[in-house]
Amino acid sequence: SGEVLLLDRESGKQRGRWDLGHRIRSQPVVDHGWIYAGTEDGRFIALDTGDRSLTCWPMWGGGAERNG
């Protein structure tokens, strides 16, 4: 759908939402408060969440087991 959602790890409540206006091609990368996403039409979008503690997915590919 082109939306990126930021969910609270403990409660599952939505903490943020961004509509990129373009369909996302693969899972976004999260590193030091930035969310990076590639879109189906070739765009590369960087979102600054303002929360530098958000670092749990610093690379593309793989499974969720790396989140710890």
PDB file of N, CA and C in Angstrom:
ATOM      1  N   SER A   1       0.816  -1.214   0.000  1.00  0.00           N
ATOM      2  CA  SER A   1       0.000   0.000   0.000  1.00  0.00           C
ATOM      3  C   SER A   1       0.849   1.263   0.000  1.00  0.00           C
ATOM      4  N   GLY A   2       2.142   1.148   0.305  1.00  0.00           N
ATOM      5  CA  GLY A   2       2.981   2.336   0.353  1.00  0.00           C
ATOM      6  C   GLY A   2       3.039   3.002   1.712  1.00  0.00           C
ATOM      7  N   GLU A   3       2.522   2.332   2.727  1.00  0.00           N
ATOM      8  CA  GLU A   3       2.550   2.883   4.080  1.00  0.00           C
ATOM      9  C   GLU A   3       3.634   2.210   4.912  1.00  0.00           C
ATOM     10  N   VAL A   4       4.286   3.009   5.758  1.00  0.00           N
ATOM     11  CA  VAL A   4       5.226   2.498   6.741  1.00  0.00           C
ATOM     12  C   VAL A   4       4.625   2.783   8.105  1.00  0.00           C
ATOM     13  N   LEU A   5       4.500   1.749   8.931  1.00  0.00           N
ATOM     14  CA  LEU A   5       3.952   1.898  10.271  1.00  0.00           C
ATOM     15  C   LEU A   5       5.050   1.666  11.298  1.00  0.00           C
ATOM     16  N   LEU A   6       5.066   2.481  12.330  1.00  0.00           N
ATOM     17  CA  LEU A   6       5.974   2.306  13.459  1.00  0.00           C
ATOM     18  C   LEU A   6       5.122   1.836  14.630  1.00  0.00           C
ATOM     19  N   LEU A   7       5.389   0.618  15.105  1.00  0.00           N
ATOM     20  CA  LEU A   7       4.600   0.026  16.183  1.00  0.00           C
ATOM     21  C   LEU A   7       5.426  -0.073  17.451  1.00  0.00           C
ATOM     22  N   ASP A   8       4.774   0.114  18.595  1.00  0.00           N
ATOM     23  CA  ASP A   8       5.427  -0.052  19.884  1.00  0.00           C
ATOM     24  C   ASP A   8       5.703  -1.533  20.111  1.00  0.00           C
ATOM     25  N   ARG A   9       6.908  -1.841  20.471  1.00  0.00           N
ATOM     26  CA  ARG A   9       7.333  -3.233  20.654  1.00  0.00           C
ATOM     27  C   ARG A   9       6.546  -3.932  21.749  1.00  0.00           C
ATOM     28  N   GLU A  10       6.259  -3.254  22.841  1.00  0.00           N
ATOM     29  CA  GLU A  10       5.570  -3.875  23.992  1.00  0.00           C
ATOM     30  C   GLU A  10       4.063  -3.972  23.798  1.00  0.00           C
ATOM     31  N   SER A  11       3.435  -2.854  23.411  1.00  0.00           N
ATOM     32  CA  SER A  11       1.968  -2.812  23.358  1.00  0.00           C
ATOM     33  C   SER A  11       1.391  -3.136  21.986  1.00  0.00           C
ATOM     34  N   GLY A  12       2.207  -2.978  20.944  1.00  0.00           N
ATOM     35  CA  GLY A  12       1.703  -3.171  19.590  1.00  0.00           C
ATOM     36  C   GLY A  12       0.947  -1.967  19.057  1.00  0.00           C
ATOM     37  N   LYS A  13       0.869  -0.896  19.850  1.00  0.00           N
ATOM     38  CA  LYS A  13       0.161   0.312  19.413  1.00  0.00           C
ATOM     39  C   LYS A  13       0.977   1.072  18.378  1.00  0.00           C
ATOM     40  N   GLN A  14       0.272   1.726  17.487  1.00  0.00           N
ATOM     41  CA  GLN A  14       0.913   2.495  16.434  1.00  0.00           C
ATOM     42  C   GLN A  14       1.533   3.770  16.999  1.00  0.00           C
ATOM     43  N   ARG A  15       2.835   3.958  16.739  1.00  0.00           N
ATOM     44  CA  ARG A  15       3.553   5.154  17.194  1.00  0.00           C
ATOM     45  C   ARG A  15       3.784   6.150  16.073  1.00  0.00           C
ATOM     46  N   GLY A  16       3.701   5.702  14.850  1.00  0.00           N
ATOM     47  CA  GLY A  16       3.913   6.581  13.707  1.00  0.00           C
ATOM     48  C   GLY A  16       3.391   5.948  12.440  1.00  0.00           C
ATOM     49  N   ARG A  17       3.141   6.800  11.443  1.00  0.00           N
ATOM     50  CA  ARG A  17       2.640   6.310  10.159  1.00  0.00           C
ATOM     51  C   ARG A  17       3.087   7.280   9.078  1.00  0.00           C
ATOM     52  N   TRP A  18       3.630   6.736   8.001  1.00  0.00           N
ATOM     53  CA  TRP A  18       4.038   7.544   6.861  1.00  0.00           C
ATOM     54  C   TRP A  18       3.469   6.929   5.602  1.00  0.00           C
ATOM     55  N   ASP A  19       2.833   7.737   4.783  1.00  0.00           N
ATOM     56  CA  ASP A  19       2.332   7.281   3.488  1.00  0.00           C
ATOM     57  C   ASP A  19       3.335   7.740   2.438  1.00  0.00           C
ATOM     58  N   LEU A  20       4.068   6.800   1.863  1.00  0.00           N
ATOM     59  CA  LEU A  20       5.108   7.138   0.898  1.00  0.00           C
ATOM     60  C   LEU A  20       4.549   7.530  -0.461  1.00  0.00           C
ATOM     61  N   GLY A  21       3.302   7.170  -0.706  1.00  0.00           N
ATOM     62  CA  GLY A  21       2.700   7.490  -1.995  1.00  0.00           C
ATOM     63  C   GLY A  21       3.172   6.578  -3.119  1.00  0.00           C
ATOM     64  N   HIS A  22       3.960   5.560  -2.770  1.00  0.00           N
ATOM     65  CA  HIS A  22       4.489   4.605  -3.734  1.00  0.00           C
ATOM     66  C   HIS A  22       4.556   3.242  -3.045  1.00  0.00           C
ATOM     67  N   ARG A  23       4.251   2.184  -3.780  1.00  0.00           N
ATOM     68  CA  ARG A  23       4.286   0.840  -3.197  1.00  0.00           C
ATOM     69  C   ARG A  23       5.714   0.456  -2.823  1.00  0.00           C
ATOM     70  N   ILE A  24       5.867  -0.153  -1.651  1.00  0.00           N
ATOM     71  CA  ILE A  24       7.173  -0.563  -1.149  1.00  0.00           C
ATOM     72  C   ILE A  24       7.539  -1.922  -1.740  1.00  0.00           C
ATOM     73  N   ARG A  25       8.786  -2.053  -2.176  1.00  0.00           N
ATOM     74  CA  ARG A  25       9.238  -3.288  -2.844  1.00  0.00           C
ATOM     75  C   ARG A  25       9.639  -4.375  -1.862  1.00  0.00           C
ATOM     76  N   SER A  26      10.292  -4.033  -0.753  1.00  0.00           N
ATOM     77  CA  SER A  26      10.728  -5.029   0.228  1.00  0.00           C
ATOM     78  C   SER A  26      10.707  -4.399   1.615  1.00  0.00           C
ATOM     79  N   GLN A  27      11.021  -5.213   2.630  1.00  0.00           N
ATOM     80  CA  GLN A  27      10.951  -4.676   3.986  1.00  0.00           C
ATOM     81  C   GLN A  27      11.945  -3.526   4.148  1.00  0.00           C
ATOM     82  N   PRO A  28      11.544  -2.493   4.880  1.00  0.00           N
ATOM     83  CA  PRO A  28      12.433  -1.350   5.108  1.00  0.00           C
ATOM     84  C   PRO A  28      13.607  -1.720   6.019  1.00  0.00           C
ATOM     85  N   VAL A  29      14.637  -0.888   5.967  1.00  0.00           N
ATOM     86  CA  VAL A  29      15.793  -0.983   6.843  1.00  0.00           C
ATOM     87  C   VAL A  29      15.600   0.062   7.939  1.00  0.00           C
ATOM     88  N   VAL A  30      15.914  -0.302   9.197  1.00  0.00           N
ATOM     89  CA  VAL A  30      15.801   0.633  10.316  1.00  0.00           C
ATOM     90  C   VAL A  30      17.172   0.757  10.968  1.00  0.00           C
ATOM     91  N   ASP A  31      17.690   1.991  11.038  1.00  0.00           N
ATOM     92  CA  ASP A  31      19.020   2.195  11.605  1.00  0.00           C
ATOM     93  C   ASP A  31      19.128   3.583  12.229  1.00  0.00           C
ATOM     94  N   HIS A  32      19.379   3.613  13.530  1.00  0.00           N
ATOM     95  CA  HIS A  32      19.576   4.856  14.291  1.00  0.00           C
ATOM     96  C   HIS A  32      18.489   5.899  14.030  1.00  0.00           C
ATOM     97  N   GLY A  33      17.243   5.459  14.070  1.00  0.00           N
ATOM     98  CA  GLY A  33      16.113   6.369  13.944  1.00  0.00           C
ATOM     99  C   GLY A  33      15.679   6.671  12.528  1.00  0.00           C
ATOM    100  N   TRP A  34      16.384   6.142  11.561  1.00  0.00           N
ATOM    101  CA  TRP A  34      16.017   6.346  10.161  1.00  0.00           C
ATOM    102  C   TRP A  34      15.414   5.064   9.605  1.00  0.00           C
ATOM    103  N   ILE A  35      14.381   5.216   8.791  1.00  0.00           N
ATOM    104  CA  ILE A  35      13.766   4.104   8.087  1.00  0.00           C
ATOM    105  C   ILE A  35      14.018   4.336   6.600  1.00  0.00           C
ATOM    106  N   TYR A  36      14.614   3.343   5.943  1.00  0.00           N
ATOM    107  CA  TYR A  36      14.922   3.436   4.519  1.00  0.00           C
ATOM    108  C   TYR A  36      14.081   2.423   3.770  1.00  0.00           C
ATOM    109  N   ALA A  37      13.441   2.864   2.701  1.00  0.00           N
ATOM    110  CA  ALA A  37      12.572   1.967   1.946  1.00  0.00           C
ATOM    111  C   ALA A  37      12.770   2.179   0.451  1.00  0.00           C
ATOM    112  N   GLY A  38      12.799   1.070  -0.280  1.00  0.00           N
ATOM    113  CA  GLY A  38      12.836   1.114  -1.738  1.00  0.00           C
ATOM    114  C   GLY A  38      11.437   0.861  -2.268  1.00  0.00           C
ATOM    115  N   THR A  39      11.063   1.588  -3.304  1.00  0.00           N
ATOM    116  CA  THR A  39       9.711   1.454  -3.850  1.00  0.00           C
ATOM    117  C   THR A  39       9.735   0.709  -5.177  1.00  0.00           C
ATOM    118  N   GLU A  40       8.570   0.244  -5.593  1.00  0.00           N
ATOM    119  CA  GLU A  40       8.459  -0.516  -6.833  1.00  0.00           C
ATOM    120  C   GLU A  40       8.804   0.308  -8.059  1.00  0.00           C
ATOM    121  N   ASP A  41       8.694   1.628  -7.969  1.00  0.00           N
ATOM    122  CA  ASP A  41       9.003   2.474  -9.127  1.00  0.00           C
ATOM    123  C   ASP A  41      10.430   3.036  -9.073  1.00  0.00           C
ATOM    124  N   GLY A  42      11.279   2.424  -8.229  1.00  0.00           N
ATOM    125  CA  GLY A  42      12.695   2.758  -8.225  1.00  0.00           C
ATOM    126  C   GLY A  42      13.124   3.885  -7.298  1.00  0.00           C
ATOM    127  N   ARG A  43      12.244   4.374  -6.471  1.00  0.00           N
ATOM    128  CA  ARG A  43      12.614   5.435  -5.528  1.00  0.00           C
ATOM    129  C   ARG A  43      13.265   4.825  -4.292  1.00  0.00           C
ATOM    130  N   PHE A  44      14.110   5.612  -3.650  1.00  0.00           N
ATOM    131  CA  PHE A  44      14.708   5.240  -2.370  1.00  0.00           C
ATOM    132  C   PHE A  44      14.343   6.355  -1.403  1.00  0.00           C
ATOM    133  N   ILE A  45      13.589   6.017  -0.347  1.00  0.00           N
ATOM    134  CA  ILE A  45      13.039   7.023   0.564  1.00  0.00           C
ATOM    135  C   ILE A  45      13.614   6.823   1.958  1.00  0.00           C
ATOM    136  N   ALA A  46      14.033   7.926   2.582  1.00  0.00           N
ATOM    137  CA  ALA A  46      14.558   7.910   3.950  1.00  0.00           C
ATOM    138  C   ALA A  46      13.619   8.712   4.846  1.00  0.00           C
ATOM    139  N   LEU A  47      13.194   8.093   5.950  1.00  0.00           N
ATOM    140  CA  LEU A  47      12.292   8.732   6.904  1.00  0.00           C
ATOM    141  C   LEU A  47      13.022   8.927   8.228  1.00  0.00           C
ATOM    142  N   ASP A  48      13.034  10.137   8.742  1.00  0.00           N
ATOM    143  CA  ASP A  48      13.645  10.413  10.041  1.00  0.00           C
ATOM    144  C   ASP A  48      12.562  10.340  11.105  1.00  0.00           C
ATOM    145  N   THR A  49      12.625   9.314  11.962  1.00  0.00           N
ATOM    146  CA  THR A  49      11.616   9.151  13.011  1.00  0.00           C
ATOM    147  C   THR A  49      11.880  10.073  14.193  1.00  0.00           C
ATOM    148  N   GLY A  50      13.137  10.553  14.303  1.00  0.00           N
ATOM    149  CA  GLY A  50      13.507  11.393  15.438  1.00  0.00           C
ATOM    150  C   GLY A  50      13.875  10.592  16.675  1.00  0.00           C
ATOM    151  N   ASP A  51      13.761   9.281  16.615  1.00  0.00           N
ATOM    152  CA  ASP A  51      14.068   8.413  17.750  1.00  0.00           C
ATOM    153  C   ASP A  51      15.291   7.568  17.418  1.00  0.00           C
ATOM    154  N   ARG A  52      16.468   8.021  17.841  1.00  0.00           N
ATOM    155  CA  ARG A  52      17.722   7.358  17.498  1.00  0.00           C
ATOM    156  C   ARG A  52      17.872   5.971  18.132  1.00  0.00           C
ATOM    157  N   SER A  53      17.006   5.628  19.085  1.00  0.00           N
ATOM    158  CA  SER A  53      17.077   4.291  19.692  1.00  0.00           C
ATOM    159  C   SER A  53      16.540   3.211  18.754  1.00  0.00           C
ATOM    160  N   LEU A  54      15.865   3.607  17.691  1.00  0.00           N
ATOM    161  CA  LEU A  54      15.317   2.632  16.746  1.00  0.00           C
ATOM    162  C   LEU A  54      16.430   2.122  15.842  1.00  0.00           C
ATOM    163  N   THR A  55      16.993   0.990  16.193  1.00  0.00           N
ATOM    164  CA  THR A  55      18.007   0.315  15.395  1.00  0.00           C
ATOM    165  C   THR A  55      17.824  -1.167  15.621  1.00  0.00           C
ATOM    166  N   CYS A  56      17.217  -1.822  14.650  1.00  0.00           N
ATOM    167  CA  CYS A  56      17.001  -3.252  14.827  1.00  0.00           C
ATOM    168  C   CYS A  56      17.015  -4.000  13.511  1.00  0.00           C
ATOM    169  N   TRP A  57      17.125  -3.308  12.420  1.00  0.00           N
ATOM    170  CA  TRP A  57      17.075  -3.978  11.137  1.00  0.00           C
ATOM    171  C   TRP A  57      17.987  -3.236  10.175  1.00  0.00           C
ATOM    172  N   PRO A  58      19.318  -3.317  10.391  1.00  0.00           N
ATOM    173  CA  PRO A  58      20.239  -2.489   9.611  1.00  0.00           C
ATOM    174  C   PRO A  58      20.619  -3.024   8.233  1.00  0.00           C
ATOM    175  N   MET A  59      19.891  -4.024   7.715  1.00  0.00           N
ATOM    176  CA  MET A  59      20.236  -4.514   6.379  1.00  0.00           C
ATOM    177  C   MET A  59      19.016  -5.167   5.736  1.00  0.00           C
ATOM    178  N   TRP A  60      19.048  -5.277   4.418  1.00  0.00           N
ATOM    179  CA  TRP A  60      17.963  -5.927   3.698  1.00  0.00           C
ATOM    180  C   TRP A  60      18.124  -7.436   3.743  1.00  0.00           C
ATOM    181  N   GLY A  61      16.997  -8.118   3.638  1.00  0.00           N
ATOM    182  CA  GLY A  61      16.996  -9.567   3.533  1.00  0.00           C
ATOM    183  C   GLY A  61      17.025 -10.274   4.873  1.00  0.00           C
ATOM    184  N   GLY A  62      16.851 -11.566   4.829  1.00  0.00           N
ATOM    185  CA  GLY A  62      16.883 -12.372   6.053  1.00  0.00           C
ATOM    186  C   GLY A  62      15.546 -12.397   6.748  1.00  0.00           C
ATOM    187  N   GLY A  63      15.544 -12.966   7.943  1.00  0.00           N
ATOM    188  CA  GLY A  63      14.305 -13.101   8.699  1.00  0.00           C
ATOM    189  C   GLY A  63      14.332 -12.289   9.979  1.00  0.00           C
ATOM    190  N   ALA A  64      13.236 -12.318  10.689  1.00  0.00           N
ATOM    191  CA  ALA A  64      13.060 -11.511  11.889  1.00  0.00           C
ATOM    192  C   ALA A  64      13.873 -12.016  13.079  1.00  0.00           C
ATOM    193  N   GLU A  65      14.504 -13.179  12.974  1.00  0.00           N
ATOM    194  CA  GLU A  65      15.246 -13.727  14.112  1.00  0.00           C
ATOM    195  C   GLU A  65      16.394 -12.809  14.543  1.00  0.00           C
ATOM    196  N   ARG A  66      16.864 -11.940  13.678  1.00  0.00           N
ATOM    197  CA  ARG A  66      17.966 -11.037  14.051  1.00  0.00           C
ATOM    198  C   ARG A  66      17.530  -9.944  15.013  1.00  0.00           C
ATOM    199  N   ASN A  67      16.243  -9.745  15.229  1.00  0.00           N
ATOM    200  CA  ASN A  67      15.759  -8.674  16.108  1.00  0.00           C
ATOM    201  C   ASN A  67      16.036  -8.926  17.581  1.00  0.00           C
ATOM    202  N   GLY A  68      16.282 -10.162  17.941  1.00  0.00           N
ATOM    203  CA  GLY A  68      16.624 -10.473  19.334  1.00  0.00           C
ATOM    204  C   GLY A  68      15.522 -10.409  20.284  1.00  0.00           C
TER     205      GLY A  68
END
